[in-house]
Amino acid sequence: MSVRARRSRSELTRLGRVDWTRRQYWSREGSSVVPVDALVDRAEATVSVGVREACCRLGTNGSSFARAARDLLFIGGVRLSGESLRRIVEDEGRRALAWGRDEQMLFDFGGPEESAQRRPAVPRPPGEPAALLPSGRVDPRRTVLEVDDPVAGRVMLMYASMDGVQTPTVTDREKIKRRVKAQERRRVLRKGGKALRPLPPRTNGTDQRWKEMKIITFYNQDKSWRHVAATVGDHAVAGRLLAREGAKVGLGSIDRIVAPVDGATYIRRQMERYLPRKRTALVLDFFHLSGHVHDARRAVFGEEDADGRAWADGQLRALRHEPPQTSWRSLLDWRGTLRAKPARQAADELLGYVGERKAMLRYAECDRHGWDVGSGPMESMCKQLTRRLKGRGMRWDRPNIQAMAALECLYQSSQDTPYWKSQLLNN
């Protein structure tokens, strides 16, 4: 194959005038080919993959799409309106969502960029065989998941958690109001002689201003690695998402899985259904448990009562360090000393909460193995994924919430580089 021509061309796109040089290769057998055309989307798109990536990085980190558009012009010299940038970002989020759903390969634990930031693998005693994959390779997950367990020895340990977080949505009533205002503005413009395209069909809004998004997180012991996914679907959809993403990270062959959750009934049921029961320790987040204990304290003793604080500290100490049967008996004995009806109702609520989750009070086991008993990484991820969605005055359509969350999940899971490489290859 020989070089047929080297020439400079200019293309006028919506982004402005872009000058670039392209090299064309030609052979008698294979005709001609211009490799750079795929990189700049010359044949198929008016916005290159590089500009799309810049829009997504600025759009997910900024406080508004209009400000992200100004930053894009300042940094890259690319002129876009805030509305155009918003559409690019949300369309890319839907594309990222489809990419994550269709990706069937095992999650890459051994990427060179990520490995440089991880802790070194624990040295293996002489003569101990390394775990092998079916292909005969050493399992790369050991570099990030292997821990020294005081009880079980060297094992691969992974944490899995699920939680729900409220996101602001556009209600159907708000959409109707917006439509009426848009039609009024268009009538004024038509009277001025301006030709307008017809409005697109109105999409339906939600019945409430806030709707829950479910988030799933997998991470290792020292929090140096994580994989995140989210859905605006119901609890059944979240359960299927847990199973799908768990298969990606190879959850079926992990030695031990610890699942600290807040105790919500639907979360507990989905975790029990889709996680391997014999290798999963479902743990009630101790912070949520302490919140219910202090709610009972305030109802019985009052906010500032010293005896009440001493009682709460004692009960939490028993729940944390003693067997569940012992702490349960202590709560029953305390309930028997109460006479006032409001106090007995508060005690019954606490007993109901703890009794329903008695099997999750595995704190003594967690202490023996060195496992975490809190869901702090999960709570932090809820804030990270909704940081862009919960700005002042913001309202979103449900599909756009899903799209923005999908992009943020890429960055939180360190999957943005593989994703953008795949977009270059597909164009």
Protein backbone atom coordinates (compact mmCIF):
# COMPACT_ATOMS: atom_id res chain seq x y z
CA MET A 1 0.00 0.00 0.00
CA SER A 2 1.37 3.42 -0.91
CA VAL A 3 0.54 6.98 -0.02
CA ARG A 4 -1.56 8.45 -2.78
CA ALA A 5 -2.10 11.96 -1.56
CA ARG A 6 -1.38 14.25 1.37
CA ARG A 7 -3.59 17.28 1.45
CA SER A 8 -5.10 19.88 3.77
CA ARG A 9 -8.86 20.32 3.84
CA SER A 10 -11.32 22.50 5.73
CA GLU A 11 -14.72 21.35 6.87
CA LEU A 12 -17.48 23.63 8.02
CA THR A 13 -19.50 22.06 10.83
CA ARG A 14 -21.83 23.29 13.53
CA LEU A 15 -18.76 23.72 15.72
CA GLY A 16 -17.18 26.27 13.38
CA ARG A 17 -14.32 26.03 10.88
CA VAL A 18 -11.91 23.18 11.62
CA ASP A 19 -8.62 22.87 9.69
CA TRP A 20 -6.90 19.48 9.60
CA THR A 21 -4.51 17.41 7.53
CA ARG A 22 -5.40 13.89 6.40
CA ARG A 23 -3.34 11.19 4.72
CA GLN A 24 -4.98 8.91 2.17
CA TYR A 25 -3.62 5.41 1.46
CA TRP A 26 -4.33 3.56 -1.76
CA SER A 27 -3.61 0.13 -3.21
CA ARG A 28 -4.77 -1.58 -6.38
CA GLU A 29 -6.32 -4.45 -4.40
CA GLY A 30 -7.89 -2.57 -1.53
CA SER A 31 -8.83 0.76 -3.12
CA SER A 32 -8.34 3.81 -0.85
CA VAL A 33 -8.61 4.33 2.91
CA VAL A 34 -8.28 7.41 5.15
CA PRO A 35 -7.72 6.21 8.78
CA VAL A 36 -8.20 9.62 10.38
CA ASP A 37 -11.77 9.91 9.04
CA ALA A 38 -13.01 7.50 11.71
CA LEU A 39 -11.41 9.58 14.45
CA VAL A 40 -13.08 12.84 13.47
CA ASP A 41 -16.42 11.26 12.53
CA ARG A 42 -16.21 12.88 9.07
CA ALA A 43 -18.70 10.51 7.47
CA GLU A 44 -21.31 10.12 10.21
CA ALA A 45 -21.39 12.93 12.74
CA THR A 46 -20.97 16.65 13.12
CA VAL A 47 -19.54 16.35 16.65
CA SER A 48 -16.34 14.37 17.09
CA VAL A 49 -15.78 11.82 19.83
CA GLY A 50 -13.24 14.14 21.44
CA VAL A 51 -15.74 16.99 21.65
CA ARG A 52 -18.38 14.62 23.02
CA GLU A 53 -15.96 13.53 25.73
CA ALA A 54 -15.13 17.12 26.62
CA CYS A 55 -18.84 17.96 26.79
CA CYS A 56 -19.50 15.03 29.14
CA ARG A 57 -16.59 15.82 31.44
CA LEU A 58 -17.59 19.48 31.74
CA GLY A 59 -21.32 18.81 31.79
CA THR A 60 -21.20 16.26 34.62
CA ASN A 61 -18.84 18.35 36.76
CA GLY A 62 -20.28 21.82 36.22
CA SER A 63 -23.14 23.54 37.98
CA SER A 64 -25.06 24.08 34.72
CA PHE A 65 -24.87 23.21 31.04
CA ALA A 66 -24.67 26.90 30.10
CA ARG A 67 -21.57 27.34 32.24
CA ALA A 68 -20.11 24.12 30.84
CA ALA A 69 -20.61 25.54 27.32
CA ARG A 70 -18.72 28.71 28.27
CA ASP A 71 -15.89 26.62 29.76
CA LEU A 72 -15.76 24.50 26.60
CA LEU A 73 -15.37 27.64 24.48
CA PHE A 74 -12.65 29.02 26.78
CA ILE A 75 -10.68 25.78 27.04
CA GLY A 76 -11.17 24.17 23.65
CA GLY A 77 -12.38 26.94 21.40
CA VAL A 78 -15.54 24.98 20.59
CA ARG A 79 -18.71 27.06 20.47
CA LEU A 80 -21.90 25.34 21.60
CA SER A 81 -25.05 26.60 23.23
CA GLY A 82 -25.97 25.27 26.64
CA GLU A 83 -28.97 23.48 25.16
CA SER A 84 -26.84 21.78 22.49
CA LEU A 85 -24.32 20.68 25.12
CA ARG A 86 -27.11 19.32 27.28
CA ARG A 87 -28.42 17.20 24.43
CA ILE A 88 -24.94 15.88 23.65
CA VAL A 89 -24.35 14.92 27.30
CA GLU A 90 -27.72 13.24 27.79
CA ASP A 91 -27.46 11.38 24.48
CA GLU A 92 -24.00 10.18 25.48
CA GLY A 93 -25.37 9.03 28.82
CA ARG A 94 -27.93 6.87 27.04
CA ARG A 95 -25.15 5.51 24.83
CA ALA A 96 -23.03 4.76 27.92
CA LEU A 97 -25.99 3.01 29.53
CA ALA A 98 -26.39 0.74 26.51
CA TRP A 99 -22.63 0.09 26.44
CA GLY A 100 -22.64 -1.01 30.08
CA ARG A 101 -25.72 -3.16 29.58
CA ASP A 102 -24.34 -4.94 26.52
CA GLU A 103 -20.80 -5.37 27.81
CA GLN A 104 -20.33 -9.08 28.56
CA MET A 105 -16.60 -9.23 29.33
CA LEU A 106 -15.32 -9.82 32.84
CA PHE A 107 -14.47 -6.56 34.58
CA ASP A 108 -10.86 -5.55 33.97
CA PHE A 109 -9.03 -5.58 37.31
CA GLY A 110 -5.58 -5.52 35.77
CA GLY A 111 -5.49 -2.35 33.67
CA PRO A 112 -2.06 -0.68 33.67
CA GLU A 113 -3.34 2.80 34.61
CA GLU A 114 -5.31 1.56 37.60
CA SER A 115 -2.68 -0.93 38.80
CA ALA A 116 -0.14 1.83 39.38
CA GLN A 117 -2.44 3.37 42.00
CA ARG A 118 -3.25 0.16 43.87
CA ARG A 119 -1.45 -1.35 46.80
CA PRO A 120 0.96 -4.21 46.01
CA ALA A 121 -0.35 -7.75 46.29
CA VAL A 122 0.21 -9.56 49.60
CA PRO A 123 3.20 -11.93 49.18
CA ARG A 124 2.18 -15.57 48.93
CA PRO A 125 3.90 -18.17 51.17
CA PRO A 126 6.30 -20.51 49.35
CA GLY A 127 4.57 -23.48 47.81
CA GLU A 128 1.06 -21.98 47.91
CA PRO A 129 -0.47 -22.14 44.40
CA ALA A 130 -1.88 -19.00 42.81
CA ALA A 131 -5.55 -19.02 41.87
CA LEU A 132 -5.95 -19.61 38.15
CA LEU A 133 -8.68 -18.63 35.75
CA PRO A 134 -10.10 -21.26 33.37
CA SER A 135 -7.71 -19.92 30.71
CA GLY A 136 -4.72 -20.78 32.92
CA ARG A 137 -3.87 -17.15 33.80
CA VAL A 138 -3.40 -15.98 37.38
CA ASP A 139 -6.62 -14.30 38.53
CA PRO A 140 -5.93 -10.52 38.31
CA ARG A 141 -8.57 -9.80 40.95
CA ARG A 142 -6.17 -10.96 43.66
CA THR A 143 -4.15 -7.76 43.31
CA VAL A 144 -7.09 -5.68 44.53
CA LEU A 145 -9.35 -8.06 46.46
CA GLU A 146 -7.03 -10.38 48.37
CA VAL A 147 -6.82 -9.75 52.11
CA ASP A 148 -5.30 -11.49 55.12
CA ASP A 149 -8.26 -12.77 57.15
CA PRO A 150 -7.36 -13.58 60.79
CA VAL A 151 -9.78 -16.52 60.73
CA ALA A 152 -9.91 -17.84 57.15
CA GLY A 153 -6.39 -16.95 56.00
CA ARG A 154 -5.78 -15.35 52.62
CA VAL A 155 -9.07 -14.84 50.76
CA MET A 156 -10.60 -12.66 48.07
CA LEU A 157 -13.00 -10.29 49.84
CA MET A 158 -15.49 -7.95 48.19
CA TYR A 159 -18.08 -5.58 49.64
CA ALA A 160 -21.47 -5.22 47.97
CA SER A 161 -24.08 -2.65 48.92
CA MET A 162 -27.33 -1.15 47.66
CA ASP A 163 -29.21 2.00 48.61
CA GLY A 164 -31.86 4.37 47.33
CA VAL A 165 -31.59 8.15 46.99
CA GLN A 166 -34.21 10.73 46.07
CA THR A 167 -33.76 12.74 42.84
CA PRO A 168 -35.74 15.84 41.72
CA THR A 169 -38.05 15.25 38.75
CA VAL A 170 -40.32 17.28 36.50
CA THR A 171 -43.94 16.57 37.31
CA ASP A 172 -46.63 16.27 34.66
CA ARG A 173 -48.26 19.46 35.96
CA GLU A 174 -45.00 21.38 35.54
CA LYS A 175 -44.63 20.08 31.99
CA ILE A 176 -48.12 21.35 31.11
CA LYS A 177 -47.26 24.80 32.52
CA ARG A 178 -44.01 24.90 30.56
CA ARG A 179 -45.86 23.94 27.39
CA VAL A 180 -48.36 26.75 27.82
CA LYS A 181 -45.58 29.31 28.36
CA ALA A 182 -43.69 28.04 25.30
CA GLN A 183 -46.81 28.36 23.16
CA GLU A 184 -47.39 31.92 24.37
CA ARG A 185 -43.82 32.90 23.47
CA ARG A 186 -44.22 31.32 20.02
CA ARG A 187 -47.43 33.27 19.36
CA VAL A 188 -45.58 36.51 20.04
CA LEU A 189 -42.76 35.49 17.70
CA ARG A 190 -45.18 34.51 14.94
CA LYS A 191 -46.87 37.92 15.17
CA GLY A 192 -43.44 39.41 14.52
CA GLY A 193 -43.21 37.45 11.29
CA LYS A 194 -40.76 34.77 12.43
CA ALA A 195 -41.20 31.25 11.01
CA LEU A 196 -41.02 28.52 13.64
CA ARG A 197 -40.81 24.78 13.53
CA PRO A 198 -43.61 22.91 15.31
CA LEU A 199 -43.01 21.88 18.89
CA PRO A 200 -42.12 18.22 19.47
CA PRO A 201 -44.72 16.05 21.25
CA ARG A 202 -44.90 16.64 25.00
CA THR A 203 -43.38 13.89 27.10
CA ASN A 204 -45.05 12.78 30.30
CA GLY A 205 -43.78 13.90 33.67
CA THR A 206 -43.89 12.21 37.05
CA ASP A 207 -46.66 12.20 39.64
CA GLN A 208 -44.34 13.50 42.40
CA ARG A 209 -41.48 15.98 42.54
CA TRP A 210 -39.03 13.44 43.98
CA LYS A 211 -38.39 9.88 42.81
CA GLU A 212 -35.96 7.29 44.13
CA MET A 213 -32.91 6.10 42.22
CA LYS A 214 -31.29 2.81 43.29
CA ILE A 215 -27.50 2.63 43.46
CA ILE A 216 -25.33 -0.49 43.64
CA THR A 217 -21.67 -0.44 44.68
CA PHE A 218 -18.94 -3.09 44.82
CA TYR A 219 -15.61 -2.20 46.45
CA ASN A 220 -12.59 -3.76 48.13
CA GLN A 221 -11.31 -3.63 51.70
CA ASP A 222 -9.05 -0.57 51.39
CA LYS A 223 -11.50 1.32 49.08
CA SER A 224 -8.89 1.60 46.30
CA TRP A 225 -11.23 -0.02 43.75
CA ARG A 226 -14.96 0.22 43.17
CA HIS A 227 -17.61 -0.51 40.57
CA VAL A 228 -20.86 1.48 40.56
CA ALA A 229 -24.20 1.14 38.76
CA ALA A 230 -27.56 2.90 39.11
CA THR A 231 -31.13 2.60 37.90
CA VAL A 232 -34.33 4.64 38.12
CA GLY A 233 -36.35 1.41 38.00
CA ASP A 234 -38.10 -0.26 40.91
CA HIS A 235 -36.67 -2.75 43.40
CA ALA A 236 -37.01 -5.68 40.98
CA VAL A 237 -35.00 -3.82 38.34
CA ALA A 238 -32.39 -2.99 40.99
CA GLY A 239 -32.13 -6.67 41.89
CA ARG A 240 -31.52 -7.68 38.29
CA LEU A 241 -28.94 -4.90 37.99
CA LEU A 242 -27.20 -6.28 41.08
CA ALA A 243 -27.03 -9.72 39.47
CA ARG A 244 -25.77 -8.38 36.13
CA GLU A 245 -23.06 -6.14 37.58
CA GLY A 246 -22.09 -8.84 40.05
CA ALA A 247 -21.48 -11.20 37.14
CA LYS A 248 -19.22 -8.60 35.53
CA VAL A 249 -16.93 -8.44 38.55
CA GLY A 250 -16.96 -12.22 38.95
CA LEU A 251 -18.97 -12.24 42.16
CA GLY A 252 -19.74 -15.94 41.79
CA SER A 253 -16.12 -16.93 42.45
CA ILE A 254 -15.28 -14.47 45.26
CA ASP A 255 -14.33 -16.23 48.51
CA ARG A 256 -16.27 -13.91 50.82
CA ILE A 257 -18.84 -11.14 50.24
CA VAL A 258 -19.75 -8.62 52.94
CA ALA A 259 -22.94 -6.63 52.36
CA PRO A 260 -23.43 -3.72 54.80
CA VAL A 261 -26.85 -2.15 54.11
CA ASP A 262 -29.25 0.20 55.88
CA GLY A 263 -31.84 -2.50 56.58
CA ALA A 264 -34.58 -1.45 54.14
CA THR A 265 -36.81 -4.45 53.46
CA TYR A 266 -36.60 -4.35 49.66
CA ILE A 267 -32.79 -4.03 49.79
CA ARG A 268 -32.46 -6.99 52.13
CA ARG A 269 -34.69 -9.15 49.95
CA GLN A 270 -32.86 -8.33 46.73
CA MET A 271 -29.47 -8.95 48.32
CA GLU A 272 -30.64 -12.29 49.70
CA ARG A 273 -32.05 -13.27 46.32
CA TYR A 274 -29.16 -12.33 44.04
CA LEU A 275 -26.05 -12.79 46.20
CA PRO A 276 -24.66 -16.28 46.99
CA ARG A 277 -26.05 -16.94 50.47
CA LYS A 278 -23.36 -19.28 51.78
CA ARG A 279 -20.58 -16.80 51.02
CA THR A 280 -22.41 -13.56 51.84
CA ALA A 281 -22.52 -11.85 55.24
CA LEU A 282 -25.48 -9.44 55.25
CA VAL A 283 -24.75 -6.81 57.92
CA LEU A 284 -27.00 -4.07 59.29
CA ASP A 285 -25.20 -0.74 59.03
CA PHE A 286 -24.35 0.22 62.60
CA PHE A 287 -24.97 3.94 62.00
CA HIS A 288 -28.60 3.28 61.00
CA LEU A 289 -29.05 0.98 63.99
CA SER A 290 -27.71 3.64 66.36
CA GLY A 291 -30.12 6.17 64.82
CA HIS A 292 -33.12 4.00 65.77
CA VAL A 293 -31.74 3.50 69.29
CA HIS A 294 -31.40 7.25 69.80
CA ASP A 295 -34.91 7.83 68.38
CA ALA A 296 -36.23 5.56 71.13
CA ARG A 297 -34.08 7.37 73.71
CA ARG A 298 -35.51 10.75 72.77
CA ALA A 299 -39.08 9.43 72.89
CA VAL A 300 -38.64 7.86 76.33
CA PHE A 301 -36.10 10.06 78.14
CA GLY A 302 -36.09 13.34 76.23
CA GLU A 303 -33.34 15.03 74.26
CA GLU A 304 -30.93 16.11 77.00
CA ASP A 305 -31.53 13.54 79.75
CA ALA A 306 -28.21 12.13 81.03
CA ASP A 307 -29.77 8.80 82.07
CA GLY A 308 -31.15 8.42 78.56
CA ARG A 309 -27.74 8.96 77.00
CA ALA A 310 -26.19 6.44 79.37
CA TRP A 311 -28.93 3.92 78.47
CA ALA A 312 -28.36 4.45 74.72
CA ASP A 313 -24.59 4.03 75.08
CA GLY A 314 -25.09 0.82 77.02
CA GLN A 315 -27.55 -0.63 74.52
CA LEU A 316 -25.30 0.21 71.56
CA ARG A 317 -22.34 -1.34 73.35
CA ALA A 318 -24.33 -4.51 73.91
CA LEU A 319 -25.58 -4.61 70.32
CA ARG A 320 -22.06 -4.04 69.00
CA HIS A 321 -20.06 -6.49 71.11
CA GLU A 322 -22.44 -9.05 72.60
CA PRO A 323 -24.33 -11.91 70.90
CA PRO A 324 -27.69 -10.87 69.38
CA GLN A 325 -29.62 -12.99 71.89
CA THR A 326 -28.05 -11.15 74.84
CA SER A 327 -28.72 -7.65 73.47
CA TRP A 328 -32.25 -8.69 72.47
CA ARG A 329 -32.98 -9.86 76.03
CA SER A 330 -31.65 -6.56 77.36
CA LEU A 331 -34.07 -4.62 75.16
CA LEU A 332 -37.00 -6.80 76.26
CA ASP A 333 -36.15 -6.26 79.94
CA TRP A 334 -35.97 -2.49 79.39
CA ARG A 335 -39.32 -2.48 77.65
CA GLY A 336 -40.88 -4.23 80.63
CA THR A 337 -39.89 -1.37 82.93
CA LEU A 338 -41.83 1.24 80.95
CA ARG A 339 -45.32 2.29 81.96
CA ALA A 340 -46.25 5.32 79.83
CA LYS A 341 -48.01 4.42 76.58
CA PRO A 342 -45.86 6.67 74.31
CA ALA A 343 -42.70 5.19 75.83
CA ARG A 344 -43.94 1.63 75.30
CA GLN A 345 -44.84 2.44 71.68
CA ALA A 346 -41.33 3.80 71.06
CA ALA A 347 -39.84 0.67 72.64
CA ASP A 348 -42.08 -1.55 70.49
CA GLU A 349 -40.91 0.24 67.34
CA LEU A 350 -37.27 -0.31 68.29
CA LEU A 351 -37.93 -3.97 69.14
CA GLY A 352 -39.72 -4.46 65.84
CA TYR A 353 -36.86 -2.90 63.90
CA VAL A 354 -34.17 -4.94 65.65
CA GLY A 355 -36.19 -8.16 65.75
CA GLU A 356 -36.84 -8.13 62.01
CA ARG A 357 -33.11 -7.69 61.37
CA LYS A 358 -31.70 -9.87 64.15
CA ALA A 359 -29.90 -12.10 61.63
CA MET A 360 -28.02 -9.03 60.35
CA LEU A 361 -26.47 -8.17 63.74
CA ARG A 362 -23.22 -9.92 62.84
CA TYR A 363 -20.89 -7.41 64.46
CA ALA A 364 -18.94 -9.92 66.55
CA GLU A 365 -18.24 -11.96 63.39
CA CYS A 366 -17.17 -8.80 61.57
CA ASP A 367 -14.75 -7.93 64.37
CA ARG A 368 -13.16 -11.40 64.25
CA HIS A 369 -12.59 -11.17 60.50
CA GLY A 370 -11.75 -7.46 60.35
CA TRP A 371 -14.77 -6.53 58.20
CA ASP A 372 -16.39 -3.10 58.10
CA VAL A 373 -19.77 -2.71 59.80
CA GLY A 374 -20.71 0.60 58.20
CA SER A 375 -22.01 1.54 54.76
CA GLY A 376 -20.02 4.77 54.51
CA PRO A 377 -18.77 4.13 50.94
CA MET A 378 -22.36 3.52 49.84
CA GLU A 379 -23.62 6.72 51.47
CA SER A 380 -20.76 8.66 49.90
CA MET A 381 -21.59 7.26 46.47
CA CYS A 382 -25.22 8.37 46.84
CA LYS A 383 -23.95 11.94 47.26
CA GLN A 384 -21.51 11.68 44.38
CA LEU A 385 -24.03 10.35 41.87
CA THR A 386 -26.66 12.97 42.72
CA ARG A 387 -24.29 15.94 43.13
CA ARG A 388 -25.00 17.16 39.57
CA LEU A 389 -28.71 16.31 39.76
CA LYS A 390 -29.56 18.14 42.98
CA GLY A 391 -28.48 21.68 42.15
CA ARG A 392 -30.70 24.55 43.19
CA GLY A 393 -33.89 24.66 41.15
CA MET A 394 -33.00 21.61 39.06
CA ARG A 395 -35.68 19.25 37.76
CA TRP A 396 -35.07 16.29 35.48
CA ASP A 397 -36.96 13.83 33.34
CA ARG A 398 -36.50 10.28 34.56
CA PRO A 399 -34.66 9.09 31.41
CA ASN A 400 -32.24 12.02 31.74
CA ILE A 401 -31.59 11.17 35.40
CA GLN A 402 -30.64 7.67 34.26
CA ALA A 403 -28.39 9.07 31.51
CA MET A 404 -26.52 11.47 33.82
CA ALA A 405 -26.10 8.73 36.42
CA ALA A 406 -24.71 6.35 33.78
CA LEU A 407 -21.98 8.84 32.87
CA GLU A 408 -21.08 9.45 36.50
CA CYS A 409 -20.93 5.68 37.08
CA LEU A 410 -18.37 5.41 34.28
CA TYR A 411 -16.08 7.90 36.00
CA GLN A 412 -16.62 6.52 39.49
CA SER A 413 -15.83 2.99 38.25
CA SER A 414 -12.73 4.10 36.27
CA GLN A 415 -14.43 2.83 33.11
CA ASP A 416 -14.35 6.13 31.24
CA THR A 417 -11.13 5.29 29.35
CA PRO A 418 -12.40 1.93 28.01
CA TYR A 419 -15.71 3.53 27.10
CA TRP A 420 -14.24 6.39 25.07
CA LYS A 421 -11.83 4.02 23.36
CA SER A 422 -14.78 1.89 22.32
CA GLN A 423 -16.51 4.97 20.91
CA LEU A 424 -13.46 5.77 18.80
CA LEU A 425 -13.38 2.21 17.46
CA ASN A 426 -17.09 2.23 16.65
CA ASN A 427 -16.96 5.45 14.62
